[in-house]
Amino acid sequence: MSLMAAMALGLPSQTAMTELRRRCKEILKREGLSPWEIAYLRGVIERRPREYVEAWASGYAAGLAEGIAKGILVVLDVRRLPVPGFARERITSCSDPARLDDWLRRARTVECVEALFSEGAGALQE
């Protein structure tokens, strides 16, 4: 959740900022960064103005989504499944990490690319 989204939901800016910092720390821990990198980035996040933190978090999330989307396309390519333009656009324009993770897991077993987006077992709802 971005800082602006949290504030739009009625959270006071300080509460939203605390939540954003908490989520950034969770992301940093999950992504396999070294302890030094985590400590450095935490320090940067906590000492920077709100606008910087929001921009950093947004850029980090966008980069993470882009990386997962590329991974999906690589898996489909390795499996020699043709990826129509509409599917490529849907994959590369998605910014929801949970949905992308689901598609990545499903990419290794689907029979066709369109099955990534089906509402079957494991698919996330639109």
N, C-alpha and C. Protein backbone atom coordinates (compact mmCIF):
# COMPACT_ATOMS: atom_id res chain seq x y z
N MET A 1 0.86 -1.17 0.00
CA MET A 1 0.00 0.00 0.00
C MET A 1 0.90 1.23 0.00
N SER A 2 0.65 2.15 -0.91
CA SER A 2 1.46 3.36 -0.95
C SER A 2 1.01 4.31 0.16
N LEU A 3 1.86 5.28 0.43
CA LEU A 3 1.54 6.27 1.45
C LEU A 3 0.27 7.01 1.09
N MET A 4 0.13 7.41 -0.17
CA MET A 4 -1.07 8.14 -0.61
C MET A 4 -2.31 7.27 -0.49
N ALA A 5 -2.19 5.98 -0.83
CA ALA A 5 -3.33 5.08 -0.71
C ALA A 5 -3.74 4.95 0.75
N ALA A 6 -2.76 4.83 1.64
CA ALA A 6 -3.07 4.71 3.07
C ALA A 6 -3.76 5.97 3.57
N MET A 7 -3.28 7.12 3.13
CA MET A 7 -3.89 8.38 3.55
C MET A 7 -5.29 8.52 2.96
N ALA A 8 -5.47 8.02 1.72
CA ALA A 8 -6.79 8.09 1.09
C ALA A 8 -7.80 7.22 1.85
N LEU A 9 -7.31 6.18 2.50
CA LEU A 9 -8.19 5.32 3.29
C LEU A 9 -8.48 5.92 4.66
N GLY A 10 -7.94 7.10 4.91
CA GLY A 10 -8.24 7.79 6.15
C GLY A 10 -7.21 7.65 7.24
N LEU A 11 -6.09 7.00 6.96
CA LEU A 11 -5.04 6.90 7.98
C LEU A 11 -4.33 8.24 8.11
N PRO A 12 -4.05 8.69 9.31
CA PRO A 12 -3.27 9.92 9.46
C PRO A 12 -1.89 9.73 8.83
N SER A 13 -1.28 10.82 8.38
CA SER A 13 -0.02 10.71 7.66
C SER A 13 1.05 9.99 8.47
N GLN A 14 1.13 10.22 9.78
CA GLN A 14 2.14 9.55 10.60
C GLN A 14 1.88 8.05 10.66
N THR A 15 0.63 7.66 10.81
CA THR A 15 0.27 6.24 10.85
C THR A 15 0.58 5.60 9.50
N ALA A 16 0.24 6.30 8.42
CA ALA A 16 0.51 5.79 7.07
C ALA A 16 2.01 5.64 6.86
N MET A 17 2.77 6.60 7.33
CA MET A 17 4.23 6.54 7.19
C MET A 17 4.80 5.35 7.97
N THR A 18 4.30 5.13 9.16
CA THR A 18 4.74 3.99 9.97
C THR A 18 4.44 2.69 9.25
N GLU A 19 3.25 2.59 8.69
CA GLU A 19 2.85 1.38 7.96
C GLU A 19 3.74 1.18 6.73
N LEU A 20 4.01 2.26 6.02
CA LEU A 20 4.87 2.17 4.84
C LEU A 20 6.27 1.69 5.22
N ARG A 21 6.83 2.24 6.28
CA ARG A 21 8.15 1.81 6.74
C ARG A 21 8.14 0.34 7.14
N ARG A 22 7.08 -0.08 7.83
CA ARG A 22 6.97 -1.48 8.24
C ARG A 22 6.95 -2.39 7.02
N ARG A 23 6.18 -2.03 6.02
CA ARG A 23 6.10 -2.86 4.82
C ARG A 23 7.40 -2.86 4.05
N CYS A 24 8.07 -1.72 3.99
CA CYS A 24 9.37 -1.67 3.31
C CYS A 24 10.36 -2.61 3.99
N LYS A 25 10.35 -2.62 5.30
CA LYS A 25 11.26 -3.50 6.04
C LYS A 25 10.94 -4.96 5.75
N GLU A 26 9.65 -5.30 5.67
CA GLU A 26 9.27 -6.68 5.34
C GLU A 26 9.76 -7.06 3.96
N ILE A 27 9.61 -6.15 3.01
CA ILE A 27 10.06 -6.41 1.64
C ILE A 27 11.56 -6.64 1.63
N LEU A 28 12.28 -5.78 2.32
CA LEU A 28 13.73 -5.91 2.33
C LEU A 28 14.18 -7.26 2.89
N LYS A 29 13.51 -7.72 3.92
CA LYS A 29 13.87 -9.01 4.53
C LYS A 29 13.57 -10.17 3.59
N ARG A 30 12.48 -10.09 2.84
CA ARG A 30 12.07 -11.20 1.98
C ARG A 30 12.92 -11.33 0.73
N GLU A 31 13.52 -10.28 0.29
CA GLU A 31 14.15 -10.30 -1.02
C GLU A 31 15.60 -10.74 -1.02
N GLY A 32 16.09 -11.27 0.09
CA GLY A 32 17.42 -11.86 0.11
C GLY A 32 18.57 -10.87 0.08
N LEU A 33 18.35 -9.66 0.53
CA LEU A 33 19.44 -8.69 0.61
C LEU A 33 20.34 -9.06 1.78
N SER A 34 21.57 -8.62 1.70
CA SER A 34 22.51 -8.90 2.79
C SER A 34 22.11 -8.09 4.03
N PRO A 35 22.54 -8.50 5.21
CA PRO A 35 22.24 -7.74 6.41
C PRO A 35 22.74 -6.29 6.32
N TRP A 36 23.89 -6.09 5.68
CA TRP A 36 24.41 -4.74 5.53
C TRP A 36 23.48 -3.90 4.67
N GLU A 37 23.01 -4.47 3.55
CA GLU A 37 22.10 -3.73 2.66
C GLU A 37 20.79 -3.40 3.38
N ILE A 38 20.28 -4.35 4.14
CA ILE A 38 19.04 -4.11 4.87
C ILE A 38 19.23 -2.98 5.88
N ALA A 39 20.32 -3.03 6.63
CA ALA A 39 20.59 -1.98 7.62
C ALA A 39 20.75 -0.62 6.95
N TYR A 40 21.47 -0.59 5.84
CA TYR A 40 21.68 0.67 5.13
C TYR A 40 20.34 1.23 4.64
N LEU A 41 19.55 0.40 3.97
CA LEU A 41 18.28 0.88 3.41
C LEU A 41 17.30 1.28 4.51
N ARG A 42 17.27 0.57 5.61
CA ARG A 42 16.42 0.97 6.72
C ARG A 42 16.81 2.36 7.20
N GLY A 43 18.10 2.58 7.33
CA GLY A 43 18.57 3.89 7.77
C GLY A 43 18.19 4.99 6.81
N VAL A 44 18.33 4.71 5.53
CA VAL A 44 17.95 5.70 4.51
C VAL A 44 16.46 5.98 4.59
N ILE A 45 15.66 4.93 4.67
CA ILE A 45 14.21 5.09 4.69
C ILE A 45 13.77 5.92 5.89
N GLU A 46 14.32 5.62 7.05
CA GLU A 46 13.84 6.26 8.26
C GLU A 46 14.35 7.68 8.43
N ARG A 47 15.36 8.08 7.69
CA ARG A 47 15.89 9.43 7.83
C ARG A 47 15.50 10.36 6.70
N ARG A 48 14.78 9.86 5.74
CA ARG A 48 14.42 10.66 4.57
C ARG A 48 13.02 11.22 4.70
N PRO A 49 12.74 12.30 3.96
CA PRO A 49 11.38 12.87 3.97
C PRO A 49 10.36 11.88 3.39
N ARG A 50 9.13 12.08 3.76
CA ARG A 50 8.04 11.21 3.32
C ARG A 50 8.02 11.04 1.80
N GLU A 51 8.22 12.11 1.06
CA GLU A 51 8.17 12.05 -0.39
C GLU A 51 9.24 11.11 -0.94
N TYR A 52 10.42 11.15 -0.34
CA TYR A 52 11.51 10.28 -0.77
C TYR A 52 11.15 8.82 -0.50
N VAL A 53 10.64 8.56 0.69
CA VAL A 53 10.30 7.18 1.07
C VAL A 53 9.22 6.64 0.14
N GLU A 54 8.21 7.44 -0.13
CA GLU A 54 7.14 6.99 -1.03
C GLU A 54 7.69 6.72 -2.42
N ALA A 55 8.52 7.61 -2.93
CA ALA A 55 9.09 7.41 -4.26
C ALA A 55 9.98 6.16 -4.29
N TRP A 56 10.78 5.97 -3.23
CA TRP A 56 11.65 4.79 -3.17
C TRP A 56 10.82 3.52 -3.15
N ALA A 57 9.81 3.48 -2.28
CA ALA A 57 8.97 2.29 -2.16
C ALA A 57 8.25 2.00 -3.46
N SER A 58 7.77 3.04 -4.10
CA SER A 58 7.07 2.87 -5.37
C SER A 58 8.02 2.32 -6.43
N GLY A 59 9.22 2.87 -6.50
CA GLY A 59 10.21 2.39 -7.46
C GLY A 59 10.63 0.96 -7.17
N TYR A 60 10.79 0.63 -5.91
CA TYR A 60 11.17 -0.73 -5.52
C TYR A 60 10.08 -1.70 -5.94
N ALA A 61 8.83 -1.36 -5.64
CA ALA A 61 7.71 -2.24 -5.99
C ALA A 61 7.60 -2.40 -7.51
N ALA A 62 7.79 -1.31 -8.23
CA ALA A 62 7.72 -1.39 -9.69
C ALA A 62 8.84 -2.27 -10.24
N GLY A 63 10.04 -2.14 -9.70
CA GLY A 63 11.15 -2.97 -10.14
C GLY A 63 10.93 -4.44 -9.81
N LEU A 64 10.37 -4.70 -8.63
CA LEU A 64 10.07 -6.07 -8.24
C LEU A 64 9.04 -6.68 -9.19
N ALA A 65 7.98 -5.93 -9.48
CA ALA A 65 6.93 -6.41 -10.39
C ALA A 65 7.51 -6.66 -11.78
N GLU A 66 8.36 -5.76 -12.24
CA GLU A 66 8.98 -5.93 -13.56
C GLU A 66 9.83 -7.20 -13.61
N GLY A 67 10.57 -7.45 -12.55
CA GLY A 67 11.40 -8.65 -12.50
C GLY A 67 10.58 -9.93 -12.51
N ILE A 68 9.49 -9.95 -11.76
CA ILE A 68 8.64 -11.14 -11.74
C ILE A 68 7.99 -11.34 -13.11
N ALA A 69 7.53 -10.24 -13.72
CA ALA A 69 6.92 -10.34 -15.05
C ALA A 69 7.92 -10.91 -16.06
N LYS A 70 9.16 -10.45 -16.00
CA LYS A 70 10.18 -10.99 -16.89
C LYS A 70 10.39 -12.48 -16.63
N GLY A 71 10.36 -12.87 -15.37
CA GLY A 71 10.50 -14.28 -15.02
C GLY A 71 9.38 -15.12 -15.62
N ILE A 72 8.16 -14.61 -15.57
CA ILE A 72 7.03 -15.33 -16.16
C ILE A 72 7.26 -15.53 -17.66
N LEU A 73 7.67 -14.45 -18.33
CA LEU A 73 7.89 -14.54 -19.77
C LEU A 73 9.03 -15.50 -20.11
N VAL A 74 10.07 -15.54 -19.28
CA VAL A 74 11.18 -16.46 -19.50
C VAL A 74 10.70 -17.91 -19.35
N VAL A 75 9.93 -18.18 -18.30
CA VAL A 75 9.41 -19.54 -18.11
C VAL A 75 8.57 -19.97 -19.31
N LEU A 76 7.69 -19.08 -19.76
CA LEU A 76 6.85 -19.41 -20.90
C LEU A 76 7.69 -19.61 -22.16
N ASP A 77 8.73 -18.81 -22.32
CA ASP A 77 9.62 -18.95 -23.48
C ASP A 77 10.37 -20.28 -23.43
N VAL A 78 10.91 -20.61 -22.28
CA VAL A 78 11.65 -21.87 -22.12
C VAL A 78 10.73 -23.06 -22.41
N ARG A 79 9.48 -22.93 -22.04
CA ARG A 79 8.51 -23.99 -22.30
C ARG A 79 7.98 -23.94 -23.73
N ARG A 80 8.44 -22.96 -24.49
CA ARG A 80 8.06 -22.78 -25.89
C ARG A 80 6.55 -22.56 -26.08
N LEU A 81 5.95 -21.85 -25.13
CA LEU A 81 4.55 -21.49 -25.26
C LEU A 81 4.45 -20.11 -25.90
N PRO A 82 3.72 -19.99 -26.99
CA PRO A 82 3.58 -18.68 -27.62
C PRO A 82 2.83 -17.71 -26.70
N VAL A 83 3.31 -16.47 -26.65
CA VAL A 83 2.70 -15.45 -25.80
C VAL A 83 2.09 -14.38 -26.70
N PRO A 84 0.76 -14.39 -26.85
CA PRO A 84 0.10 -13.37 -27.68
C PRO A 84 0.33 -11.97 -27.09
N GLY A 85 0.20 -10.98 -27.92
CA GLY A 85 0.41 -9.60 -27.49
C GLY A 85 -0.43 -9.18 -26.30
N PHE A 86 -1.70 -9.59 -26.30
CA PHE A 86 -2.58 -9.20 -25.18
C PHE A 86 -2.06 -9.79 -23.86
N ALA A 87 -1.53 -11.02 -23.93
CA ALA A 87 -1.04 -11.68 -22.71
C ALA A 87 0.26 -11.03 -22.23
N ARG A 88 1.14 -10.73 -23.18
CA ARG A 88 2.40 -10.04 -22.83
C ARG A 88 2.09 -8.71 -22.16
N GLU A 89 1.15 -7.96 -22.72
CA GLU A 89 0.77 -6.66 -22.16
C GLU A 89 0.17 -6.82 -20.77
N ARG A 90 -0.66 -7.82 -20.59
CA ARG A 90 -1.29 -8.04 -19.28
C ARG A 90 -0.25 -8.41 -18.23
N ILE A 91 0.70 -9.24 -18.60
CA ILE A 91 1.75 -9.66 -17.67
C ILE A 91 2.65 -8.47 -17.32
N THR A 92 3.12 -7.75 -18.33
CA THR A 92 4.09 -6.67 -18.09
C THR A 92 3.46 -5.43 -17.46
N SER A 93 2.15 -5.28 -17.58
CA SER A 93 1.51 -4.09 -16.99
C SER A 93 0.97 -4.36 -15.59
N CYS A 94 0.99 -5.61 -15.15
CA CYS A 94 0.49 -5.94 -13.80
C CYS A 94 1.47 -5.43 -12.74
N SER A 95 0.93 -4.81 -11.71
CA SER A 95 1.77 -4.31 -10.62
C SER A 95 1.46 -4.98 -9.29
N ASP A 96 0.63 -6.01 -9.31
CA ASP A 96 0.25 -6.72 -8.09
C ASP A 96 1.19 -7.90 -7.88
N PRO A 97 2.09 -7.81 -6.89
CA PRO A 97 3.07 -8.88 -6.69
C PRO A 97 2.43 -10.24 -6.40
N ALA A 98 1.32 -10.26 -5.68
CA ALA A 98 0.67 -11.54 -5.37
C ALA A 98 0.15 -12.20 -6.64
N ARG A 99 -0.45 -11.42 -7.51
CA ARG A 99 -0.96 -11.94 -8.77
C ARG A 99 0.20 -12.42 -9.63
N LEU A 100 1.26 -11.63 -9.70
CA LEU A 100 2.43 -12.03 -10.50
C LEU A 100 3.06 -13.31 -9.96
N ASP A 101 3.17 -13.42 -8.64
CA ASP A 101 3.71 -14.64 -8.05
C ASP A 101 2.84 -15.85 -8.42
N ASP A 102 1.53 -15.66 -8.40
CA ASP A 102 0.61 -16.73 -8.78
C ASP A 102 0.84 -17.12 -10.24
N TRP A 103 0.92 -16.14 -11.11
CA TRP A 103 1.15 -16.42 -12.53
C TRP A 103 2.50 -17.10 -12.73
N LEU A 104 3.51 -16.70 -11.99
CA LEU A 104 4.83 -17.33 -12.13
C LEU A 104 4.77 -18.80 -11.74
N ARG A 105 4.11 -19.10 -10.63
CA ARG A 105 3.96 -20.50 -10.23
C ARG A 105 3.18 -21.30 -11.27
N ARG A 106 2.15 -20.70 -11.80
CA ARG A 106 1.30 -21.39 -12.77
C ARG A 106 1.98 -21.52 -14.13
N ALA A 107 2.90 -20.61 -14.45
CA ALA A 107 3.56 -20.62 -15.76
C ALA A 107 4.31 -21.92 -16.01
N ARG A 108 4.74 -22.59 -14.97
CA ARG A 108 5.53 -23.81 -15.16
C ARG A 108 4.68 -25.02 -15.52
N THR A 109 3.34 -24.91 -15.38
CA THR A 109 2.50 -26.09 -15.64
C THR A 109 1.36 -25.86 -16.63
N VAL A 110 1.04 -24.61 -16.96
CA VAL A 110 -0.11 -24.37 -17.85
C VAL A 110 0.13 -24.95 -19.23
N GLU A 111 -0.95 -25.31 -19.90
CA GLU A 111 -0.87 -25.86 -21.26
C GLU A 111 -0.81 -24.75 -22.30
N CYS A 112 -1.39 -23.59 -21.97
CA CYS A 112 -1.35 -22.44 -22.87
C CYS A 112 -1.32 -21.17 -22.01
N VAL A 113 -0.86 -20.09 -22.60
CA VAL A 113 -0.70 -18.84 -21.84
C VAL A 113 -2.04 -18.34 -21.30
N GLU A 114 -3.09 -18.51 -22.05
CA GLU A 114 -4.40 -18.04 -21.61
C GLU A 114 -4.82 -18.67 -20.29
N ALA A 115 -4.32 -19.88 -20.01
CA ALA A 115 -4.67 -20.57 -18.77
C ALA A 115 -4.11 -19.85 -17.54
N LEU A 116 -3.08 -19.02 -17.72
CA LEU A 116 -2.56 -18.23 -16.59
C LEU A 116 -3.66 -17.38 -15.99
N PHE A 117 -4.54 -16.88 -16.86
CA PHE A 117 -5.53 -15.89 -16.44
C PHE A 117 -6.88 -16.51 -16.10
N SER A 118 -6.99 -17.84 -16.19
CA SER A 118 -8.27 -18.48 -15.91
C SER A 118 -8.57 -18.39 -14.42
N GLU A 119 -9.80 -18.61 -14.08
CA GLU A 119 -10.23 -18.52 -12.68
C GLU A 119 -10.17 -19.87 -12.00
N GLY A 120 -9.41 -20.79 -12.56
CA GLY A 120 -9.30 -22.13 -11.99
C GLY A 120 -8.52 -22.13 -10.68
N ALA A 121 -8.19 -23.29 -10.21
CA ALA A 121 -7.48 -23.45 -8.95
C ALA A 121 -6.21 -22.64 -8.94
N GLY A 122 -6.04 -21.84 -7.92
CA GLY A 122 -4.83 -21.06 -7.76
C GLY A 122 -4.85 -19.71 -8.43
N ALA A 123 -5.84 -19.44 -9.26
CA ALA A 123 -5.89 -18.16 -9.95
C ALA A 123 -6.47 -17.10 -9.02
N LEU A 124 -5.92 -15.92 -9.10
CA LEU A 124 -6.46 -14.80 -8.33
C LEU A 124 -7.56 -14.12 -9.13
N GLN A 125 -8.55 -13.65 -8.45
CA GLN A 125 -9.65 -12.95 -9.11
C GLN A 125 -9.19 -11.59 -9.58
N GLU A 126 -9.76 -11.12 -10.67
CA GLU A 126 -9.45 -9.77 -11.18
C GLU A 126 -10.02 -8.74 -10.26
